[in-house]
Amino acid sequence: GAQNSQDWTCKHCQTHLANEMKDVLKHSKTCEGVDRKDISFTFVCIQCSYHSRQRNHFERHFRRHTDEKPFRCEHCEYKSPREDHMTSHKRRKHLLEKTSTFVITKKAVVKNSKGEFIFAI
């Protein structure tokens, strides 16, 4: 579950870590309780079996274990741990389409580039 307290305990070696991403990142690369089978084990999650060779993927994943939601919608109270989820939220809830082309059909119904109904004339 989510943890937002003083520290973390690595499930692989029981090491206690400060609740700081820099400490989690460092330990995820050096934990001796992990069998690093290949380069995809560069960053190993201290809370589950997730592993990645890319730091940004690891950081995005690790937010699942925290309450951190750094991406905030400027139009409402929605917050997200992931930027791509925020982009989807804005398009879905606030009709902020990214350069969609609108097509008027023979029935004079306006749809966006995904074929979704917008309004009828």
N, C-alpha and C. Protein backbone atom coordinates (compact mmCIF):
# COMPACT_ATOMS: atom_id res chain seq x y z
N GLY A 1 0.81 -1.20 0.00
CA GLY A 1 0.00 0.00 0.00
C GLY A 1 0.85 1.25 0.00
N ALA A 2 0.19 2.37 -0.08
CA ALA A 2 0.89 3.66 -0.08
C ALA A 2 1.54 3.92 1.26
N GLN A 3 2.68 4.51 1.23
CA GLN A 3 3.41 4.84 2.44
C GLN A 3 3.86 6.27 2.33
N ASN A 4 3.56 7.06 3.32
CA ASN A 4 3.94 8.46 3.27
C ASN A 4 4.48 8.88 4.63
N SER A 5 5.13 7.96 5.31
CA SER A 5 5.61 8.24 6.66
C SER A 5 7.10 8.56 6.64
N GLN A 6 7.76 8.27 7.72
CA GLN A 6 9.17 8.65 7.90
C GLN A 6 10.12 7.91 6.97
N ASP A 7 9.89 6.62 6.75
CA ASP A 7 10.89 5.88 6.01
C ASP A 7 10.28 4.70 5.26
N TRP A 8 11.15 4.00 4.54
CA TRP A 8 10.80 2.79 3.80
C TRP A 8 11.66 1.65 4.30
N THR A 9 11.18 0.43 4.14
CA THR A 9 11.98 -0.75 4.40
C THR A 9 12.03 -1.55 3.11
N CYS A 10 13.24 -1.86 2.66
CA CYS A 10 13.42 -2.62 1.42
C CYS A 10 12.94 -4.05 1.64
N LYS A 11 12.05 -4.53 0.79
CA LYS A 11 11.52 -5.88 0.93
C LYS A 11 12.55 -6.95 0.56
N HIS A 12 13.62 -6.55 -0.11
CA HIS A 12 14.63 -7.51 -0.55
C HIS A 12 15.71 -7.75 0.51
N CYS A 13 16.00 -6.72 1.33
CA CYS A 13 17.12 -6.86 2.29
C CYS A 13 16.81 -6.28 3.67
N GLN A 14 15.62 -5.73 3.86
CA GLN A 14 15.16 -5.15 5.13
C GLN A 14 15.91 -3.88 5.55
N THR A 15 16.66 -3.26 4.64
CA THR A 15 17.33 -2.00 4.93
C THR A 15 16.28 -0.90 5.09
N HIS A 16 16.46 -0.05 6.10
CA HIS A 16 15.57 1.10 6.31
C HIS A 16 16.11 2.29 5.54
N LEU A 17 15.22 2.98 4.82
CA LEU A 17 15.61 4.12 3.99
C LEU A 17 14.77 5.33 4.33
N ALA A 18 15.35 6.51 4.17
CA ALA A 18 14.60 7.75 4.35
C ALA A 18 13.55 7.86 3.25
N ASN A 19 12.51 8.61 3.52
CA ASN A 19 11.44 8.80 2.55
C ASN A 19 11.83 9.88 1.54
N GLU A 20 12.92 9.64 0.83
CA GLU A 20 13.46 10.56 -0.17
C GLU A 20 13.74 9.78 -1.44
N MET A 21 13.31 10.30 -2.59
CA MET A 21 13.52 9.58 -3.84
C MET A 21 14.99 9.33 -4.10
N LYS A 22 15.87 10.26 -3.74
CA LYS A 22 17.31 10.06 -4.00
C LYS A 22 17.83 8.84 -3.24
N ASP A 23 17.35 8.63 -2.02
CA ASP A 23 17.78 7.47 -1.23
C ASP A 23 17.22 6.17 -1.81
N VAL A 24 15.96 6.22 -2.23
CA VAL A 24 15.32 5.05 -2.83
C VAL A 24 16.04 4.69 -4.14
N LEU A 25 16.34 5.70 -4.96
CA LEU A 25 17.04 5.46 -6.23
C LEU A 25 18.40 4.82 -5.99
N LYS A 26 19.16 5.38 -5.07
CA LYS A 26 20.50 4.85 -4.79
C LYS A 26 20.41 3.40 -4.34
N HIS A 27 19.50 3.12 -3.41
CA HIS A 27 19.39 1.75 -2.91
C HIS A 27 18.88 0.80 -3.99
N SER A 28 17.97 1.28 -4.84
CA SER A 28 17.40 0.42 -5.89
C SER A 28 18.48 -0.05 -6.86
N LYS A 29 19.57 0.71 -6.97
CA LYS A 29 20.68 0.34 -7.86
C LYS A 29 21.73 -0.52 -7.18
N THR A 30 21.74 -0.50 -5.84
CA THR A 30 22.84 -1.17 -5.14
C THR A 30 22.41 -2.28 -4.19
N CYS A 31 21.12 -2.50 -4.00
CA CYS A 31 20.63 -3.50 -3.04
C CYS A 31 21.25 -4.86 -3.34
N GLU A 32 21.86 -5.45 -2.33
CA GLU A 32 22.51 -6.75 -2.50
C GLU A 32 21.54 -7.91 -2.32
N GLY A 33 20.29 -7.62 -1.97
CA GLY A 33 19.29 -8.66 -1.81
C GLY A 33 18.59 -9.02 -3.11
N VAL A 34 19.04 -8.43 -4.21
CA VAL A 34 18.40 -8.64 -5.52
C VAL A 34 19.34 -9.39 -6.44
N ASP A 35 18.81 -10.42 -7.11
CA ASP A 35 19.57 -11.14 -8.13
C ASP A 35 19.38 -10.38 -9.44
N ARG A 36 20.38 -9.63 -9.84
CA ARG A 36 20.28 -8.80 -11.05
C ARG A 36 20.65 -9.64 -12.27
N LYS A 37 19.61 -10.19 -12.88
CA LYS A 37 19.79 -11.14 -13.98
C LYS A 37 20.33 -10.49 -15.25
N ASP A 38 19.95 -9.24 -15.49
CA ASP A 38 20.39 -8.55 -16.70
C ASP A 38 20.27 -7.04 -16.49
N ILE A 39 20.51 -6.27 -17.57
CA ILE A 39 20.53 -4.80 -17.46
C ILE A 39 19.17 -4.23 -17.08
N SER A 40 18.08 -5.00 -17.29
CA SER A 40 16.75 -4.50 -16.93
C SER A 40 16.58 -4.39 -15.41
N PHE A 41 17.55 -4.91 -14.66
CA PHE A 41 17.50 -4.83 -13.20
C PHE A 41 18.34 -3.68 -12.66
N THR A 42 18.60 -2.65 -13.49
CA THR A 42 19.38 -1.50 -13.04
C THR A 42 18.70 -0.83 -11.85
N PHE A 43 17.39 -0.60 -11.96
CA PHE A 43 16.60 -0.02 -10.86
C PHE A 43 15.58 -1.07 -10.44
N VAL A 44 15.65 -1.50 -9.17
CA VAL A 44 14.74 -2.52 -8.65
C VAL A 44 13.89 -1.90 -7.56
N CYS A 45 12.57 -2.04 -7.68
CA CYS A 45 11.67 -1.46 -6.69
C CYS A 45 11.90 -2.10 -5.33
N ILE A 46 11.95 -1.28 -4.30
CA ILE A 46 12.17 -1.77 -2.94
C ILE A 46 10.89 -2.30 -2.30
N GLN A 47 9.75 -2.14 -3.00
CA GLN A 47 8.46 -2.56 -2.44
C GLN A 47 7.80 -3.71 -3.20
N CYS A 48 8.24 -4.00 -4.43
CA CYS A 48 7.61 -5.07 -5.21
C CYS A 48 8.65 -5.63 -6.19
N SER A 49 8.20 -6.40 -7.15
CA SER A 49 9.14 -7.06 -8.07
C SER A 49 9.45 -6.24 -9.32
N TYR A 50 8.91 -5.02 -9.44
CA TYR A 50 9.16 -4.18 -10.61
C TYR A 50 10.65 -3.87 -10.75
N HIS A 51 11.13 -3.86 -12.00
CA HIS A 51 12.51 -3.45 -12.27
C HIS A 51 12.57 -2.81 -13.64
N SER A 52 13.54 -1.91 -13.82
CA SER A 52 13.68 -1.19 -15.08
C SER A 52 15.12 -0.74 -15.25
N ARG A 53 15.51 -0.54 -16.48
CA ARG A 53 16.85 0.02 -16.71
C ARG A 53 16.78 1.53 -16.82
N GLN A 54 15.57 2.10 -16.90
CA GLN A 54 15.42 3.55 -17.07
C GLN A 54 14.94 4.22 -15.79
N ARG A 55 15.69 5.22 -15.38
CA ARG A 55 15.38 5.93 -14.13
C ARG A 55 13.98 6.56 -14.15
N ASN A 56 13.61 7.23 -15.25
CA ASN A 56 12.31 7.90 -15.28
C ASN A 56 11.16 6.90 -15.18
N HIS A 57 11.31 5.71 -15.78
CA HIS A 57 10.28 4.68 -15.66
C HIS A 57 10.18 4.20 -14.21
N PHE A 58 11.34 4.03 -13.58
CA PHE A 58 11.35 3.59 -12.18
C PHE A 58 10.68 4.63 -11.28
N GLU A 59 11.04 5.90 -11.46
CA GLU A 59 10.44 6.95 -10.62
C GLU A 59 8.93 7.01 -10.82
N ARG A 60 8.48 6.90 -12.07
CA ARG A 60 7.04 6.91 -12.35
C ARG A 60 6.37 5.73 -11.66
N HIS A 61 6.99 4.55 -11.75
CA HIS A 61 6.44 3.37 -11.08
C HIS A 61 6.39 3.56 -9.57
N PHE A 62 7.46 4.06 -8.99
CA PHE A 62 7.55 4.12 -7.53
C PHE A 62 6.48 5.01 -6.91
N ARG A 63 5.99 6.00 -7.67
CA ARG A 63 4.92 6.86 -7.16
C ARG A 63 3.66 6.07 -6.83
N ARG A 64 3.53 4.86 -7.42
CA ARG A 64 2.38 4.00 -7.08
C ARG A 64 2.39 3.63 -5.60
N HIS A 65 3.58 3.60 -5.02
CA HIS A 65 3.71 3.21 -3.62
C HIS A 65 3.63 4.41 -2.68
N THR A 66 3.47 5.58 -3.21
CA THR A 66 3.41 6.80 -2.39
C THR A 66 2.09 7.52 -2.66
N ASP A 67 1.87 8.58 -1.95
CA ASP A 67 0.70 9.42 -2.20
C ASP A 67 1.07 10.62 -3.06
N GLU A 68 2.29 10.63 -3.60
CA GLU A 68 2.77 11.78 -4.38
C GLU A 68 2.00 11.90 -5.70
N LYS A 69 1.44 13.07 -5.93
CA LYS A 69 0.74 13.38 -7.18
C LYS A 69 1.18 14.77 -7.63
N PRO A 70 2.35 14.84 -8.27
CA PRO A 70 2.93 16.14 -8.61
C PRO A 70 2.26 16.87 -9.76
N PHE A 71 1.41 16.20 -10.53
CA PHE A 71 0.78 16.85 -11.68
C PHE A 71 -0.63 17.29 -11.30
N ARG A 72 -0.87 18.61 -11.34
CA ARG A 72 -2.14 19.18 -10.90
C ARG A 72 -2.84 19.88 -12.07
N CYS A 73 -4.13 19.63 -12.19
CA CYS A 73 -4.93 20.26 -13.24
C CYS A 73 -5.19 21.71 -12.87
N GLU A 74 -4.97 22.61 -13.83
CA GLU A 74 -5.21 24.04 -13.57
C GLU A 74 -6.68 24.41 -13.71
N HIS A 75 -7.51 23.44 -14.15
CA HIS A 75 -8.94 23.71 -14.36
C HIS A 75 -9.83 23.15 -13.26
N CYS A 76 -9.32 22.22 -12.46
CA CYS A 76 -10.12 21.61 -11.39
C CYS A 76 -9.19 21.07 -10.31
N GLU A 77 -9.71 20.27 -9.41
CA GLU A 77 -8.94 19.76 -8.27
C GLU A 77 -8.19 18.46 -8.57
N TYR A 78 -8.29 17.94 -9.78
CA TYR A 78 -7.67 16.66 -10.12
C TYR A 78 -6.15 16.72 -9.99
N LYS A 79 -5.57 15.65 -9.42
CA LYS A 79 -4.11 15.50 -9.30
C LYS A 79 -3.75 14.10 -9.77
N SER A 80 -2.54 13.95 -10.29
CA SER A 80 -2.12 12.65 -10.82
C SER A 80 -0.64 12.40 -10.55
N PRO A 81 -0.29 11.14 -10.36
CA PRO A 81 1.13 10.81 -10.23
C PRO A 81 1.84 10.76 -11.58
N ARG A 82 1.06 10.76 -12.69
CA ARG A 82 1.65 10.64 -14.01
C ARG A 82 1.21 11.76 -14.94
N GLU A 83 2.16 12.28 -15.70
CA GLU A 83 1.87 13.37 -16.63
C GLU A 83 0.95 12.92 -17.76
N ASP A 84 1.13 11.69 -18.25
CA ASP A 84 0.27 11.23 -19.34
C ASP A 84 -1.18 11.07 -18.88
N HIS A 85 -1.39 10.70 -17.61
CA HIS A 85 -2.75 10.63 -17.08
C HIS A 85 -3.36 12.03 -16.99
N MET A 86 -2.55 13.03 -16.65
CA MET A 86 -3.04 14.40 -16.57
C MET A 86 -3.47 14.89 -17.96
N THR A 87 -2.66 14.59 -18.97
CA THR A 87 -2.99 14.98 -20.33
C THR A 87 -4.32 14.36 -20.77
N SER A 88 -4.50 13.07 -20.47
CA SER A 88 -5.76 12.40 -20.81
C SER A 88 -6.92 13.02 -20.06
N HIS A 89 -6.73 13.33 -18.79
CA HIS A 89 -7.77 13.97 -17.99
C HIS A 89 -8.21 15.28 -18.62
N LYS A 90 -7.26 16.11 -19.00
CA LYS A 90 -7.59 17.43 -19.57
C LYS A 90 -8.37 17.28 -20.87
N ARG A 91 -7.96 16.34 -21.70
CA ARG A 91 -8.67 16.13 -22.96
C ARG A 91 -10.09 15.63 -22.71
N ARG A 92 -10.21 14.69 -21.77
CA ARG A 92 -11.50 14.06 -21.50
C ARG A 92 -12.46 15.00 -20.77
N LYS A 93 -11.97 15.68 -19.75
CA LYS A 93 -12.85 16.47 -18.88
C LYS A 93 -12.98 17.94 -19.28
N HIS A 94 -11.99 18.47 -19.95
CA HIS A 94 -11.99 19.90 -20.26
C HIS A 94 -11.95 20.18 -21.76
N LEU A 95 -12.17 19.15 -22.57
CA LEU A 95 -12.21 19.27 -24.03
C LEU A 95 -11.00 20.00 -24.61
N LEU A 96 -9.84 19.73 -24.04
CA LEU A 96 -8.62 20.35 -24.55
C LEU A 96 -7.97 19.38 -25.53
N GLU A 97 -8.53 19.33 -26.73
CA GLU A 97 -8.03 18.43 -27.76
C GLU A 97 -6.70 18.96 -28.28
N LYS A 98 -5.78 18.07 -28.53
CA LYS A 98 -4.53 18.50 -29.16
C LYS A 98 -4.75 18.52 -30.67
N THR A 99 -4.71 19.63 -31.26
CA THR A 99 -4.86 19.86 -32.70
C THR A 99 -5.66 18.78 -33.42
N SER A 100 -6.85 18.46 -32.92
CA SER A 100 -7.73 17.51 -33.60
C SER A 100 -8.37 18.21 -34.79
N THR A 101 -8.57 17.47 -35.85
CA THR A 101 -9.31 18.02 -36.98
C THR A 101 -10.77 17.63 -36.81
N PHE A 102 -11.64 18.57 -37.02
CA PHE A 102 -13.06 18.32 -36.88
C PHE A 102 -13.67 18.12 -38.25
N VAL A 103 -14.57 17.15 -38.35
CA VAL A 103 -15.19 16.79 -39.61
C VAL A 103 -16.69 16.96 -39.48
N ILE A 104 -17.30 17.65 -40.43
CA ILE A 104 -18.75 17.76 -40.46
C ILE A 104 -19.25 16.74 -41.47
N THR A 105 -20.07 15.80 -40.99
CA THR A 105 -20.60 14.75 -41.87
C THR A 105 -21.81 15.27 -42.63
N LYS A 106 -22.37 14.45 -43.50
CA LYS A 106 -23.55 14.84 -44.28
C LYS A 106 -24.74 15.17 -43.39
N LYS A 107 -24.78 14.57 -42.21
CA LYS A 107 -25.87 14.82 -41.28
C LYS A 107 -25.61 16.08 -40.45
N ALA A 108 -24.56 16.78 -40.75
CA ALA A 108 -24.18 17.99 -40.01
C ALA A 108 -23.95 17.70 -38.54
N VAL A 109 -23.25 16.59 -38.29
CA VAL A 109 -22.85 16.23 -36.93
C VAL A 109 -21.35 16.46 -36.84
N VAL A 110 -20.92 17.17 -35.83
CA VAL A 110 -19.50 17.46 -35.68
C VAL A 110 -18.86 16.40 -34.80
N LYS A 111 -17.79 15.81 -35.32
CA LYS A 111 -17.05 14.79 -34.58
C LYS A 111 -15.58 15.20 -34.56
N ASN A 112 -14.86 14.72 -33.55
CA ASN A 112 -13.43 15.01 -33.52
C ASN A 112 -12.69 13.96 -34.35
N SER A 113 -11.37 14.03 -34.38
CA SER A 113 -10.57 13.14 -35.22
C SER A 113 -10.68 11.68 -34.81
N LYS A 114 -11.17 11.41 -33.59
CA LYS A 114 -11.35 10.03 -33.14
C LYS A 114 -12.74 9.52 -33.49
N GLY A 115 -13.56 10.36 -34.12
CA GLY A 115 -14.91 9.97 -34.48
C GLY A 115 -15.90 10.13 -33.35
N GLU A 116 -15.51 10.82 -32.28
CA GLU A 116 -16.39 11.01 -31.13
C GLU A 116 -17.33 12.18 -31.37
N PHE A 117 -18.58 12.01 -31.01
CA PHE A 117 -19.60 13.04 -31.19
C PHE A 117 -19.26 14.28 -30.38
N ILE A 118 -19.33 15.45 -31.00
CA ILE A 118 -19.12 16.72 -30.30
C ILE A 118 -20.45 17.45 -30.19
N PHE A 119 -21.11 17.73 -31.32
CA PHE A 119 -22.45 18.34 -31.29
C PHE A 119 -23.08 18.22 -32.67
N ALA A 120 -24.40 18.39 -32.73
CA ALA A 120 -25.13 18.35 -34.00
C ALA A 120 -25.57 19.76 -34.36
N ILE A 121 -25.59 20.03 -35.66
CA ILE A 121 -26.02 21.36 -36.12
C ILE A 121 -27.44 21.28 -36.63
